[in-house]
């Protein structure tokens, strides 16, 4: 499963997430069209999703990890 997203988000938010080591941008950050979650970003995202206690989230996370 891919862990990338198109950058349609506020650059300040993306910059902060990159500074925290949660996102990775290859090349010139202002010119690159997509970002990728780092391993730490993936783990943080999983924790947030688990805290939301959404129905079916455990199955999704199991599939995502596989």
N, C-alpha and C. Protein backbone atom coordinates (compact mmCIF):
# COMPACT_ATOMS: atom_id res chain seq x y z
N UNK A 1 0.84 -1.17 0.00
CA UNK A 1 0.00 0.00 0.00
C UNK A 1 0.89 1.24 0.00
N UNK A 2 0.51 2.20 -0.80
CA UNK A 2 1.30 3.43 -0.91
C UNK A 2 1.05 4.33 0.28
N UNK A 3 2.04 5.07 0.65
CA UNK A 3 1.93 5.99 1.79
C UNK A 3 2.24 7.40 1.34
N UNK A 4 1.72 7.76 0.18
CA UNK A 4 1.95 9.08 -0.39
C UNK A 4 0.63 9.83 -0.53
N UNK A 5 0.72 11.14 -0.60
CA UNK A 5 -0.45 11.98 -0.82
C UNK A 5 -0.06 13.16 -1.68
N UNK A 6 -1.00 13.63 -2.47
CA UNK A 6 -0.76 14.85 -3.21
C UNK A 6 -0.78 16.01 -2.25
N UNK A 7 0.04 17.01 -2.52
CA UNK A 7 0.17 18.15 -1.61
C UNK A 7 -0.87 19.22 -1.92
N UNK A 8 -2.08 19.03 -1.43
CA UNK A 8 -3.10 20.05 -1.55
C UNK A 8 -3.36 20.69 -0.20
N UNK A 9 -2.38 20.63 0.67
CA UNK A 9 -2.53 21.08 2.04
C UNK A 9 -1.70 22.34 2.28
N UNK A 10 -1.99 23.01 3.36
CA UNK A 10 -1.27 24.21 3.75
C UNK A 10 0.23 23.90 3.89
N UNK A 11 1.06 24.68 3.23
CA UNK A 11 2.51 24.43 3.27
C UNK A 11 3.07 24.53 4.69
N UNK A 12 2.51 25.40 5.52
CA UNK A 12 3.00 25.52 6.90
C UNK A 12 2.78 24.23 7.67
N UNK A 13 1.63 23.60 7.45
CA UNK A 13 1.33 22.32 8.12
C UNK A 13 2.29 21.25 7.61
N UNK A 14 2.48 21.18 6.30
CA UNK A 14 3.40 20.19 5.73
C UNK A 14 4.82 20.41 6.22
N UNK A 15 5.23 21.67 6.31
CA UNK A 15 6.57 21.98 6.82
C UNK A 15 6.74 21.50 8.26
N UNK A 16 5.72 21.74 9.10
CA UNK A 16 5.81 21.31 10.51
C UNK A 16 5.87 19.80 10.62
N UNK A 17 5.05 19.10 9.83
CA UNK A 17 5.07 17.63 9.87
C UNK A 17 6.41 17.08 9.36
N UNK A 18 6.99 17.74 8.37
CA UNK A 18 8.30 17.35 7.87
C UNK A 18 9.37 17.60 8.93
N UNK A 19 9.30 18.75 9.59
CA UNK A 19 10.26 19.07 10.66
C UNK A 19 10.17 18.08 11.81
N UNK A 20 8.98 17.55 12.06
CA UNK A 20 8.78 16.57 13.14
C UNK A 20 9.18 15.16 12.71
N UNK A 21 9.57 14.99 11.44
CA UNK A 21 9.99 13.68 10.96
C UNK A 21 8.85 12.76 10.59
N UNK A 22 7.65 13.31 10.37
CA UNK A 22 6.48 12.49 10.05
C UNK A 22 6.22 12.40 8.55
N UNK A 23 6.70 13.39 7.80
CA UNK A 23 6.57 13.40 6.34
C UNK A 23 7.94 13.52 5.72
N UNK A 24 8.02 13.03 4.48
CA UNK A 24 9.27 13.10 3.73
C UNK A 24 8.97 13.69 2.36
N UNK A 25 9.75 14.67 1.98
CA UNK A 25 9.61 15.29 0.67
C UNK A 25 10.92 15.12 -0.06
N UNK A 26 10.87 14.57 -1.25
CA UNK A 26 12.09 14.40 -2.04
C UNK A 26 12.19 15.56 -3.02
N UNK A 27 13.37 16.09 -3.16
CA UNK A 27 13.56 17.21 -4.06
C UNK A 27 13.23 18.53 -3.38
N UNK A 28 12.98 19.54 -4.18
CA UNK A 28 12.64 20.88 -3.67
C UNK A 28 11.22 20.86 -3.10
N UNK A 29 11.07 21.07 -1.78
CA UNK A 29 9.76 20.95 -1.13
C UNK A 29 8.64 21.77 -1.77
N UNK A 30 8.93 22.96 -2.23
CA UNK A 30 7.88 23.82 -2.81
C UNK A 30 7.52 23.41 -4.24
N UNK A 31 8.33 22.56 -4.86
CA UNK A 31 8.06 22.15 -6.25
C UNK A 31 7.53 20.72 -6.35
N UNK A 32 7.80 19.90 -5.35
CA UNK A 32 7.38 18.51 -5.37
C UNK A 32 5.87 18.44 -5.19
N UNK A 33 5.21 17.56 -5.96
CA UNK A 33 3.75 17.48 -5.95
C UNK A 33 3.20 16.51 -4.91
N UNK A 34 4.06 15.70 -4.30
CA UNK A 34 3.54 14.74 -3.32
C UNK A 34 4.49 14.62 -2.13
N UNK A 35 3.95 14.06 -1.05
CA UNK A 35 4.73 13.79 0.15
C UNK A 35 4.49 12.34 0.54
N UNK A 36 5.37 11.79 1.36
CA UNK A 36 5.23 10.41 1.83
C UNK A 36 5.38 10.39 3.35
N UNK A 37 4.62 9.51 3.98
CA UNK A 37 4.78 9.31 5.42
C UNK A 37 6.08 8.58 5.68
N UNK A 38 6.79 9.00 6.70
CA UNK A 38 7.97 8.25 7.15
C UNK A 38 7.48 7.07 7.99
N UNK A 39 8.37 6.19 8.38
CA UNK A 39 7.98 5.07 9.25
C UNK A 39 7.37 5.59 10.55
N UNK A 40 7.98 6.64 11.10
CA UNK A 40 7.43 7.24 12.32
C UNK A 40 6.05 7.84 12.06
N UNK A 41 5.88 8.45 10.89
CA UNK A 41 4.58 9.02 10.52
C UNK A 41 3.50 7.96 10.42
N UNK A 42 3.86 6.80 9.87
CA UNK A 42 2.91 5.69 9.77
C UNK A 42 2.50 5.22 11.16
N UNK A 43 3.47 5.05 12.04
CA UNK A 43 3.16 4.59 13.40
C UNK A 43 2.30 5.61 14.14
N UNK A 44 2.60 6.90 13.98
CA UNK A 44 1.80 7.94 14.63
C UNK A 44 0.37 7.93 14.10
N UNK A 45 0.23 7.76 12.78
CA UNK A 45 -1.10 7.72 12.16
C UNK A 45 -1.90 6.54 12.68
N UNK A 46 -1.25 5.38 12.82
CA UNK A 46 -1.94 4.20 13.37
C UNK A 46 -2.45 4.48 14.77
N UNK A 47 -1.64 5.10 15.61
CA UNK A 47 -2.04 5.42 16.99
C UNK A 47 -3.25 6.35 17.00
N UNK A 48 -3.23 7.36 16.15
CA UNK A 48 -4.35 8.30 16.09
C UNK A 48 -5.62 7.57 15.66
N UNK A 49 -5.51 6.72 14.64
CA UNK A 49 -6.68 5.98 14.17
C UNK A 49 -7.23 5.06 15.25
N UNK A 50 -6.36 4.40 15.99
CA UNK A 50 -6.81 3.52 17.07
C UNK A 50 -7.52 4.31 18.16
N UNK A 51 -7.04 5.50 18.46
CA UNK A 51 -7.67 6.34 19.49
C UNK A 51 -9.07 6.79 19.08
N UNK A 52 -9.32 6.88 17.79
CA UNK A 52 -10.64 7.29 17.32
C UNK A 52 -11.69 6.19 17.49
N UNK A 53 -11.25 4.96 17.68
CA UNK A 53 -12.14 3.81 17.89
C UNK A 53 -13.21 3.69 16.81
N UNK A 54 -12.82 3.85 15.58
CA UNK A 54 -13.76 3.71 14.47
C UNK A 54 -14.06 2.25 14.20
N UNK A 55 -15.29 1.97 13.80
CA UNK A 55 -15.67 0.60 13.48
C UNK A 55 -14.84 0.10 12.30
N UNK A 56 -14.25 -1.08 12.45
CA UNK A 56 -13.47 -1.68 11.38
C UNK A 56 -12.03 -1.21 11.30
N UNK A 57 -11.61 -0.34 12.20
CA UNK A 57 -10.26 0.22 12.10
C UNK A 57 -9.18 -0.84 12.32
N UNK A 58 -9.42 -1.77 13.22
CA UNK A 58 -8.42 -2.82 13.48
C UNK A 58 -8.18 -3.65 12.23
N UNK A 59 -9.25 -4.01 11.51
CA UNK A 59 -9.10 -4.78 10.27
C UNK A 59 -8.34 -3.97 9.23
N UNK A 60 -8.66 -2.68 9.14
CA UNK A 60 -7.96 -1.81 8.19
C UNK A 60 -6.47 -1.74 8.51
N UNK A 61 -6.14 -1.54 9.79
CA UNK A 61 -4.74 -1.43 10.18
C UNK A 61 -3.99 -2.73 9.95
N UNK A 62 -4.66 -3.86 10.17
CA UNK A 62 -4.04 -5.16 9.91
C UNK A 62 -3.74 -5.30 8.42
N UNK A 63 -4.70 -4.91 7.58
CA UNK A 63 -4.50 -4.99 6.13
C UNK A 63 -3.41 -4.01 5.69
N UNK A 64 -3.41 -2.81 6.26
CA UNK A 64 -2.44 -1.78 5.91
C UNK A 64 -1.03 -2.22 6.25
N UNK A 65 -0.88 -2.93 7.36
CA UNK A 65 0.44 -3.37 7.81
C UNK A 65 0.96 -4.53 6.98
N UNK A 66 0.07 -5.24 6.34
CA UNK A 66 0.46 -6.45 5.61
C UNK A 66 1.05 -6.22 4.29
